[in-house]
Every structure is written in C-alpha cells, then in structure tokens.
Amino acid sequence: MYRLLYRKAALKGLRRMPPRQAERMTEALMQIARNPRGYGGDWKPLAGSPYWRLRIGRFRAICEIRDESLVVLVLRAGPRGDVYK
C-alpha cells in the first residue's frame, strides 16, 4: 500500500469543494493508494507528463506516483478549469 500525501494547494482545493464531492474524491484517493495503477475509476496518466488525473464529476485531482518511496502525492484538487493551470 502506498502512502497518500497532500500538497497545501490540494488540501485547499478539497476544502473548497462541496462536502459530498470532497468525500467522494478522498474515498477514491484512498482506493488509489491501495493499488495506484489498478484503480478502476476515471484515473489515467496525463499525456506528456509524469502526473496522473482523477476525475470525480466536474472536479479533478492531479497526482504523482512515486514508486521508489511508495507515495501517491496529490498536487492539486478542484474544478476542472483550475487544476490544469
């Protein structure tokens, strides 16, 4: 199992989401930490980038998988238009 770490910007984004969406996002991220490449939801690598994207409704989380330290680092979370900036 991987550890789940959040950057400050990701935590801020989660706090700004509607509570139900933030809860769904957190639950999905915990499932991803169990098996990052085997998660069956809307989770895929970003083209031309080492990062991965999780989609929950209109919200996104951008993550980095660090295999050498067994960490899934959540870099940003929020509405689709904001996380890719």
PDB file of N, CA and C in Angstrom:
ATOM      1  N   MET A   1       0.842  -1.188   0.000  1.00  0.00           N
ATOM      2  CA  MET A   1       0.000   0.000   0.000  1.00  0.00           C
ATOM      3  C   MET A   1       0.886   1.251   0.000  1.00  0.00           C
ATOM      4  N   TYR A   2       0.483   2.212  -0.774  1.00  0.00           N
ATOM      5  CA  TYR A   2       1.193   3.479  -0.868  1.00  0.00           C
ATOM      6  C   TYR A   2       0.658   4.447   0.185  1.00  0.00           C
ATOM      7  N   ARG A   3       1.511   5.377   0.607  1.00  0.00           N
ATOM      8  CA  ARG A   3       1.048   6.447   1.496  1.00  0.00           C
ATOM      9  C   ARG A   3       0.437   7.542   0.635  1.00  0.00           C
ATOM     10  N   LEU A   4      -0.526   8.218   1.163  1.00  0.00           N
ATOM     11  CA  LEU A   4      -1.202   9.308   0.472  1.00  0.00           C
ATOM     12  C   LEU A   4      -0.782  10.615   1.127  1.00  0.00           C
ATOM     13  N   LEU A   5      -0.115  11.486   0.358  1.00  0.00           N
ATOM     14  CA  LEU A   5       0.325  12.783   0.862  1.00  0.00           C
ATOM     15  C   LEU A   5      -0.326  13.884   0.042  1.00  0.00           C
ATOM     16  N   TYR A   6      -0.647  14.990   0.696  1.00  0.00           N
ATOM     17  CA  TYR A   6      -1.324  16.111   0.035  1.00  0.00           C
ATOM     18  C   TYR A   6      -0.458  17.361   0.098  1.00  0.00           C
ATOM     19  N   ARG A   7      -0.346  18.038  -1.019  1.00  0.00           N
ATOM     20  CA  ARG A   7       0.266  19.364  -1.024  1.00  0.00           C
ATOM     21  C   ARG A   7      -0.751  20.345  -0.457  1.00  0.00           C
ATOM     22  N   LYS A   8      -0.268  21.487  -0.011  1.00  0.00           N
ATOM     23  CA  LYS A   8      -1.137  22.513   0.573  1.00  0.00           C
ATOM     24  C   LYS A   8      -2.231  22.942  -0.415  1.00  0.00           C
ATOM     25  N   ALA A   9      -1.878  23.097  -1.692  1.00  0.00           N
ATOM     26  CA  ALA A   9      -2.852  23.511  -2.710  1.00  0.00           C
ATOM     27  C   ALA A   9      -3.959  22.471  -2.877  1.00  0.00           C
ATOM     28  N   ALA A  10      -3.616  21.190  -2.745  1.00  0.00           N
ATOM     29  CA  ALA A  10      -4.619  20.131  -2.870  1.00  0.00           C
ATOM     30  C   ALA A  10      -5.600  20.174  -1.700  1.00  0.00           C
ATOM     31  N   LEU A  11      -5.083  20.361  -0.500  1.00  0.00           N
ATOM     32  CA  LEU A  11      -5.963  20.450   0.673  1.00  0.00           C
ATOM     33  C   LEU A  11      -6.892  21.655   0.570  1.00  0.00           C
ATOM     34  N   LYS A  12      -6.355  22.759   0.093  1.00  0.00           N
ATOM     35  CA  LYS A  12      -7.166  23.965  -0.085  1.00  0.00           C
ATOM     36  C   LYS A  12      -8.281  23.710  -1.102  1.00  0.00           C
ATOM     37  N   GLY A  13      -7.946  23.030  -2.188  1.00  0.00           N
ATOM     38  CA  GLY A  13      -8.941  22.707  -3.202  1.00  0.00           C
ATOM     39  C   GLY A  13     -10.024  21.781  -2.675  1.00  0.00           C
ATOM     40  N   LEU A  14      -9.638  20.798  -1.878  1.00  0.00           N
ATOM     41  CA  LEU A  14     -10.622  19.884  -1.292  1.00  0.00           C
ATOM     42  C   LEU A  14     -11.563  20.622  -0.343  1.00  0.00           C
ATOM     43  N   ARG A  15     -11.029  21.560   0.432  1.00  0.00           N
ATOM     44  CA  ARG A  15     -11.878  22.329   1.360  1.00  0.00           C
ATOM     45  C   ARG A  15     -12.889  23.191   0.616  1.00  0.00           C
ATOM     46  N   ARG A  16     -12.553  23.623  -0.578  1.00  0.00           N
ATOM     47  CA  ARG A  16     -13.454  24.486  -1.351  1.00  0.00           C
ATOM     48  C   ARG A  16     -14.534  23.707  -2.108  1.00  0.00           C
ATOM     49  N   MET A  17     -14.379  22.404  -2.214  1.00  0.00           N
ATOM     50  CA  MET A  17     -15.369  21.578  -2.920  1.00  0.00           C
ATOM     51  C   MET A  17     -16.616  21.408  -2.064  1.00  0.00           C
ATOM     52  N   PRO A  18     -17.749  21.114  -2.712  1.00  0.00           N
ATOM     53  CA  PRO A  18     -18.924  20.719  -1.932  1.00  0.00           C
ATOM     54  C   PRO A  18     -18.576  19.481  -1.097  1.00  0.00           C
ATOM     55  N   PRO A  19     -19.082  19.386   0.120  1.00  0.00           N
ATOM     56  CA  PRO A  19     -18.695  18.288   1.020  1.00  0.00           C
ATOM     57  C   PRO A  19     -18.836  16.894   0.410  1.00  0.00           C
ATOM     58  N   ARG A  20     -19.914  16.644  -0.304  1.00  0.00           N
ATOM     59  CA  ARG A  20     -20.114  15.306  -0.887  1.00  0.00           C
ATOM     60  C   ARG A  20     -19.043  14.993  -1.932  1.00  0.00           C
ATOM     61  N   GLN A  21     -18.697  15.970  -2.757  1.00  0.00           N
ATOM     62  CA  GLN A  21     -17.677  15.758  -3.785  1.00  0.00           C
ATOM     63  C   GLN A  21     -16.309  15.549  -3.139  1.00  0.00           C
ATOM     64  N   ALA A  22     -16.002  16.322  -2.109  1.00  0.00           N
ATOM     65  CA  ALA A  22     -14.722  16.167  -1.410  1.00  0.00           C
ATOM     66  C   ALA A  22     -14.626  14.782  -0.769  1.00  0.00           C
ATOM     67  N   GLU A  23     -15.735  14.300  -0.225  1.00  0.00           N
ATOM     68  CA  GLU A  23     -15.765  12.968   0.381  1.00  0.00           C
ATOM     69  C   GLU A  23     -15.533  11.891  -0.678  1.00  0.00           C
ATOM     70  N   ARG A  24     -16.203  12.018  -1.816  1.00  0.00           N
ATOM     71  CA  ARG A  24     -16.016  11.052  -2.909  1.00  0.00           C
ATOM     72  C   ARG A  24     -14.576  11.073  -3.418  1.00  0.00           C
ATOM     73  N   MET A  25     -13.998  12.261  -3.535  1.00  0.00           N
ATOM     74  CA  MET A  25     -12.618  12.402  -4.004  1.00  0.00           C
ATOM     75  C   MET A  25     -11.661  11.732  -3.016  1.00  0.00           C
ATOM     76  N   THR A  26     -11.856  11.978  -1.730  1.00  0.00           N
ATOM     77  CA  THR A  26     -10.992  11.401  -0.699  1.00  0.00           C
ATOM     78  C   THR A  26     -11.098   9.880  -0.680  1.00  0.00           C
ATOM     79  N   GLU A  27     -12.311   9.351  -0.804  1.00  0.00           N
ATOM     80  CA  GLU A  27     -12.505   7.900  -0.835  1.00  0.00           C
ATOM     81  C   GLU A  27     -11.797   7.290  -2.039  1.00  0.00           C
ATOM     82  N   ALA A  28     -11.914   7.929  -3.198  1.00  0.00           N
ATOM     83  CA  ALA A  28     -11.254   7.428  -4.405  1.00  0.00           C
ATOM     84  C   ALA A  28      -9.737   7.466  -4.246  1.00  0.00           C
ATOM     85  N   LEU A  29      -9.208   8.526  -3.661  1.00  0.00           N
ATOM     86  CA  LEU A  29      -7.761   8.627  -3.459  1.00  0.00           C
ATOM     87  C   LEU A  29      -7.259   7.548  -2.501  1.00  0.00           C
ATOM     88  N   MET A  30      -8.043   7.204  -1.489  1.00  0.00           N
ATOM     89  CA  MET A  30      -7.649   6.131  -0.576  1.00  0.00           C
ATOM     90  C   MET A  30      -7.616   4.790  -1.305  1.00  0.00           C
ATOM     91  N   GLN A  31      -8.568   4.565  -2.218  1.00  0.00           N
ATOM     92  CA  GLN A  31      -8.555   3.340  -3.020  1.00  0.00           C
ATOM     93  C   GLN A  31      -7.345   3.314  -3.944  1.00  0.00           C
ATOM     94  N   ILE A  32      -7.005   4.451  -4.522  1.00  0.00           N
ATOM     95  CA  ILE A  32      -5.839   4.547  -5.402  1.00  0.00           C
ATOM     96  C   ILE A  32      -4.567   4.223  -4.625  1.00  0.00           C
ATOM     97  N   ALA A  33      -4.474   4.655  -3.378  1.00  0.00           N
ATOM     98  CA  ALA A  33      -3.284   4.390  -2.563  1.00  0.00           C
ATOM     99  C   ALA A  33      -3.079   2.891  -2.345  1.00  0.00           C
ATOM    100  N   ARG A  34      -4.136   2.114  -2.398  1.00  0.00           N
ATOM    101  CA  ARG A  34      -4.006   0.661  -2.241  1.00  0.00           C
ATOM    102  C   ARG A  34      -3.328   0.028  -3.450  1.00  0.00           C
ATOM    103  N   ASN A  35      -3.649   0.525  -4.654  1.00  0.00           N
ATOM    104  CA  ASN A  35      -3.070  -0.013  -5.891  1.00  0.00           C
ATOM    105  C   ASN A  35      -3.160   1.067  -6.965  1.00  0.00           C
ATOM    106  N   PRO A  36      -2.179   1.964  -7.049  1.00  0.00           N
ATOM    107  CA  PRO A  36      -2.277   3.137  -7.923  1.00  0.00           C
ATOM    108  C   PRO A  36      -2.547   2.836  -9.397  1.00  0.00           C
ATOM    109  N   ARG A  37      -1.970   1.796  -9.923  1.00  0.00           N
ATOM    110  CA  ARG A  37      -2.157   1.531 -11.357  1.00  0.00           C
ATOM    111  C   ARG A  37      -3.312   0.570 -11.626  1.00  0.00           C
ATOM    112  N   GLY A  38      -3.925   0.045 -10.584  1.00  0.00           N
ATOM    113  CA  GLY A  38      -5.015  -0.898 -10.757  1.00  0.00           C
ATOM    114  C   GLY A  38      -6.387  -0.336 -10.412  1.00  0.00           C
ATOM    115  N   TYR A  39      -6.473   0.954 -10.115  1.00  0.00           N
ATOM    116  CA  TYR A  39      -7.759   1.571  -9.754  1.00  0.00           C
ATOM    117  C   TYR A  39      -8.679   1.562 -10.967  1.00  0.00           C
ATOM    118  N   GLY A  40      -9.920   1.189 -10.781  1.00  0.00           N
ATOM    119  CA  GLY A  40     -10.851   1.034 -11.885  1.00  0.00           C
ATOM    120  C   GLY A  40     -11.685   2.254 -12.225  1.00  0.00           C
ATOM    121  N   GLY A  41     -11.549   3.349 -11.498  1.00  0.00           N
ATOM    122  CA  GLY A  41     -12.340   4.550 -11.775  1.00  0.00           C
ATOM    123  C   GLY A  41     -11.747   5.381 -12.894  1.00  0.00           C
ATOM    124  N   ASP A  42     -12.159   6.625 -12.991  1.00  0.00           N
ATOM    125  CA  ASP A  42     -11.674   7.530 -14.038  1.00  0.00           C
ATOM    126  C   ASP A  42     -10.335   8.119 -13.601  1.00  0.00           C
ATOM    127  N   TRP A  43      -9.298   7.343 -13.782  1.00  0.00           N
ATOM    128  CA  TRP A  43      -7.939   7.636 -13.311  1.00  0.00           C
ATOM    129  C   TRP A  43      -6.995   7.286 -14.437  1.00  0.00           C
ATOM    130  N   LYS A  44      -6.281   8.280 -14.947  1.00  0.00           N
ATOM    131  CA  LYS A  44      -5.391   7.967 -16.066  1.00  0.00           C
ATOM    132  C   LYS A  44      -4.188   8.902 -16.087  1.00  0.00           C
ATOM    133  N   PRO A  45      -3.117   8.461 -16.765  1.00  0.00           N
ATOM    134  CA  PRO A  45      -1.924   9.311 -16.862  1.00  0.00           C
ATOM    135  C   PRO A  45      -2.179  10.491 -17.792  1.00  0.00           C
ATOM    136  N   LEU A  46      -1.566  11.617 -17.484  1.00  0.00           N
ATOM    137  CA  LEU A  46      -1.671  12.789 -18.347  1.00  0.00           C
ATOM    138  C   LEU A  46      -0.643  12.661 -19.466  1.00  0.00           C
ATOM    139  N   ALA A  47      -1.043  12.962 -20.677  1.00  0.00           N
ATOM    140  CA  ALA A  47      -0.164  12.837 -21.843  1.00  0.00           C
ATOM    141  C   ALA A  47       1.042  13.766 -21.711  1.00  0.00           C
ATOM    142  N   GLY A  48       2.223  13.225 -21.980  1.00  0.00           N
ATOM    143  CA  GLY A  48       3.435  14.033 -21.960  1.00  0.00           C
ATOM    144  C   GLY A  48       3.848  14.525 -20.587  1.00  0.00           C
ATOM    145  N   SER A  49       3.395  13.847 -19.546  1.00  0.00           N
ATOM    146  CA  SER A  49       3.640  14.308 -18.186  1.00  0.00           C
ATOM    147  C   SER A  49       3.788  13.098 -17.263  1.00  0.00           C
ATOM    148  N   PRO A  50       4.517  13.235 -16.167  1.00  0.00           N
ATOM    149  CA  PRO A  50       4.624  12.122 -15.216  1.00  0.00           C
ATOM    150  C   PRO A  50       3.431  12.045 -14.252  1.00  0.00           C
ATOM    151  N   TYR A  51       2.453  12.924 -14.421  1.00  0.00           N
ATOM    152  CA  TYR A  51       1.339  13.019 -13.482  1.00  0.00           C
ATOM    153  C   TYR A  51       0.126  12.209 -13.931  1.00  0.00           C
ATOM    154  N   TRP A  52      -0.747  11.958 -12.975  1.00  0.00           N
ATOM    155  CA  TRP A  52      -1.997  11.235 -13.210  1.00  0.00           C
ATOM    156  C   TRP A  52      -3.164  12.134 -12.827  1.00  0.00           C
ATOM    157  N   ARG A  53      -4.335  11.852 -13.419  1.00  0.00           N
ATOM    158  CA  ARG A  53      -5.530  12.659 -13.188  1.00  0.00           C
ATOM    159  C   ARG A  53      -6.667  11.772 -12.687  1.00  0.00           C
ATOM    160  N   LEU A  54      -7.330  12.223 -11.637  1.00  0.00           N
ATOM    161  CA  LEU A  54      -8.535  11.572 -11.124  1.00  0.00           C
ATOM    162  C   LEU A  54      -9.704  12.500 -11.390  1.00  0.00           C
ATOM    163  N   ARG A  55     -10.797  11.959 -11.954  1.00  0.00           N
ATOM    164  CA  ARG A  55     -11.991  12.764 -12.208  1.00  0.00           C
ATOM    165  C   ARG A  55     -13.131  12.240 -11.347  1.00  0.00           C
ATOM    166  N   ILE A  56     -13.734  13.143 -10.600  1.00  0.00           N
ATOM    167  CA  ILE A  56     -14.947  12.869  -9.821  1.00  0.00           C
ATOM    168  C   ILE A  56     -15.932  13.967 -10.196  1.00  0.00           C
ATOM    169  N   GLY A  57     -16.884  13.653 -11.061  1.00  0.00           N
ATOM    170  CA  GLY A  57     -17.822  14.665 -11.549  1.00  0.00           C
ATOM    171  C   GLY A  57     -17.084  15.744 -12.309  1.00  0.00           C
ATOM    172  N   ARG A  58     -17.295  16.999 -11.948  1.00  0.00           N
ATOM    173  CA  ARG A  58     -16.599  18.090 -12.634  1.00  0.00           C
ATOM    174  C   ARG A  58     -15.305  18.486 -11.932  1.00  0.00           C
ATOM    175  N   PHE A  59     -14.917  17.722 -10.926  1.00  0.00           N
ATOM    176  CA  PHE A  59     -13.708  18.010 -10.158  1.00  0.00           C
ATOM    177  C   PHE A  59     -12.579  17.061 -10.537  1.00  0.00           C
ATOM    178  N   ARG A  60     -11.347  17.561 -10.390  1.00  0.00           N
ATOM    179  CA  ARG A  60     -10.165  16.790 -10.744  1.00  0.00           C
ATOM    180  C   ARG A  60      -9.146  16.853  -9.614  1.00  0.00           C
ATOM    181  N   ALA A  61      -8.314  15.828  -9.566  1.00  0.00           N
ATOM    182  CA  ALA A  61      -7.134  15.832  -8.700  1.00  0.00           C
ATOM    183  C   ALA A  61      -5.953  15.430  -9.570  1.00  0.00           C
ATOM    184  N   ILE A  62      -4.858  16.149  -9.448  1.00  0.00           N
ATOM    185  CA  ILE A  62      -3.635  15.844 -10.175  1.00  0.00           C
ATOM    186  C   ILE A  62      -2.665  15.227  -9.171  1.00  0.00           C
ATOM    187  N   CYS A  63      -2.139  14.052  -9.512  1.00  0.00           N
ATOM    188  CA  CYS A  63      -1.304  13.298  -8.585  1.00  0.00           C
ATOM    189  C   CYS A  63      -0.005  12.857  -9.238  1.00  0.00           C
ATOM    190  N   GLU A  64       0.944  12.539  -8.394  1.00  0.00           N
ATOM    191  CA  GLU A  64       2.212  11.965  -8.837  1.00  0.00           C
ATOM    192  C   GLU A  64       2.404  10.663  -8.074  1.00  0.00           C
ATOM    193  N   ILE A  65       2.751   9.597  -8.788  1.00  0.00           N
ATOM    194  CA  ILE A  65       3.023   8.311  -8.155  1.00  0.00           C
ATOM    195  C   ILE A  65       4.536   8.187  -8.007  1.00  0.00           C
ATOM    196  N   ARG A  66       4.986   8.022  -6.784  1.00  0.00           N
ATOM    197  CA  ARG A  66       6.419   7.862  -6.511  1.00  0.00           C
ATOM    198  C   ARG A  66       6.662   6.424  -6.049  1.00  0.00           C
ATOM    199  N   ASP A  67       6.986   5.569  -7.005  1.00  0.00           N
ATOM    200  CA  ASP A  67       7.154   4.146  -6.708  1.00  0.00           C
ATOM    201  C   ASP A  67       8.315   3.864  -5.758  1.00  0.00           C
ATOM    202  N   GLU A  68       9.408   4.619  -5.892  1.00  0.00           N
ATOM    203  CA  GLU A  68      10.593   4.352  -5.069  1.00  0.00           C
ATOM    204  C   GLU A  68      10.328   4.580  -3.583  1.00  0.00           C
ATOM    205  N   SER A  69       9.423   5.481  -3.246  1.00  0.00           N
ATOM    206  CA  SER A  69       9.107   5.743  -1.835  1.00  0.00           C
ATOM    207  C   SER A  69       7.687   5.314  -1.460  1.00  0.00           C
ATOM    208  N   LEU A  70       6.982   4.657  -2.383  1.00  0.00           N
ATOM    209  CA  LEU A  70       5.613   4.182  -2.159  1.00  0.00           C
ATOM    210  C   LEU A  70       4.693   5.300  -1.677  1.00  0.00           C
ATOM    211  N   VAL A  71       4.656   6.381  -2.461  1.00  0.00           N
ATOM    212  CA  VAL A  71       3.849   7.553  -2.123  1.00  0.00           C
ATOM    213  C   VAL A  71       3.000   7.953  -3.323  1.00  0.00           C
ATOM    214  N   VAL A  72       1.745   8.296  -3.068  1.00  0.00           N
ATOM    215  CA  VAL A  72       0.906   8.982  -4.050  1.00  0.00           C
ATOM    216  C   VAL A  72       0.766  10.407  -3.526  1.00  0.00           C
ATOM    217  N   LEU A  73       1.349  11.353  -4.257  1.00  0.00           N
ATOM    218  CA  LEU A  73       1.341  12.755  -3.856  1.00  0.00           C
ATOM    219  C   LEU A  73       0.239  13.481  -4.618  1.00  0.00           C
ATOM    220  N   VAL A  74      -0.725  14.046  -3.899  1.00  0.00           N
ATOM    221  CA  VAL A  74      -1.812  14.807  -4.511  1.00  0.00           C
ATOM    222  C   VAL A  74      -1.340  16.254  -4.604  1.00  0.00           C
ATOM    223  N   LEU A  75      -1.146  16.723  -5.838  1.00  0.00           N
ATOM    224  CA  LEU A  75      -0.588  18.052  -6.063  1.00  0.00           C
ATOM    225  C   LEU A  75      -1.646  19.142  -6.034  1.00  0.00           C
ATOM    226  N   ARG A  76      -2.763  18.901  -6.716  1.00  0.00           N
ATOM    227  CA  ARG A  76      -3.837  19.901  -6.807  1.00  0.00           C
ATOM    228  C   ARG A  76      -5.176  19.180  -6.840  1.00  0.00           C
ATOM    229  N   ALA A  77      -6.216  19.868  -6.402  1.00  0.00           N
ATOM    230  CA  ALA A  77      -7.580  19.353  -6.479  1.00  0.00           C
ATOM    231  C   ALA A  77      -8.511  20.538  -6.646  1.00  0.00           C
ATOM    232  N   GLY A  78      -9.547  20.360  -7.447  1.00  0.00           N
ATOM    233  CA  GLY A  78     -10.504  21.437  -7.643  1.00  0.00           C
ATOM    234  C   GLY A  78     -11.281  21.275  -8.929  1.00  0.00           C
ATOM    235  N   PRO A  79     -12.004  22.318  -9.336  1.00  0.00           N
ATOM    236  CA  PRO A  79     -12.774  22.267 -10.577  1.00  0.00           C
ATOM    237  C   PRO A  79     -11.854  22.075 -11.780  1.00  0.00           C
ATOM    238  N   ARG A  80     -12.369  21.472 -12.809  1.00  0.00           N
ATOM    239  CA  ARG A  80     -11.591  21.130 -13.990  1.00  0.00           C
ATOM    240  C   ARG A  80     -10.766  22.293 -14.524  1.00  0.00           C
ATOM    241  N   GLY A  81     -11.345  23.457 -14.654  1.00  0.00           N
ATOM    242  CA  GLY A  81     -10.648  24.594 -15.235  1.00  0.00           C
ATOM    243  C   GLY A  81      -9.492  25.116 -14.405  1.00  0.00           C
ATOM    244  N   ASP A  82      -9.496  24.837 -13.114  1.00  0.00           N
ATOM    245  CA  ASP A  82      -8.470  25.391 -12.224  1.00  0.00           C
ATOM    246  C   ASP A  82      -7.254  24.488 -12.032  1.00  0.00           C
ATOM    247  N   VAL A  83      -7.433  23.180 -12.060  1.00  0.00           N
ATOM    248  CA  VAL A  83      -6.324  22.297 -11.692  1.00  0.00           C
ATOM    249  C   VAL A  83      -5.249  22.188 -12.762  1.00  0.00           C
ATOM    250  N   TYR A  84      -5.575  22.483 -14.002  1.00  0.00           N
ATOM    251  CA  TYR A  84      -4.587  22.337 -15.071  1.00  0.00           C
ATOM    252  C   TYR A  84      -3.742  23.588 -15.263  1.00  0.00           C
ATOM    253  N   LYS A  85      -4.009  24.643 -14.528  1.00  0.00           N
ATOM    254  CA  LYS A  85      -3.251  25.895 -14.673  1.00  0.00           C
ATOM    255  C   LYS A  85      -1.895  25.788 -14.023  1.00  0.00           C
TER     256      LYS A  85
END
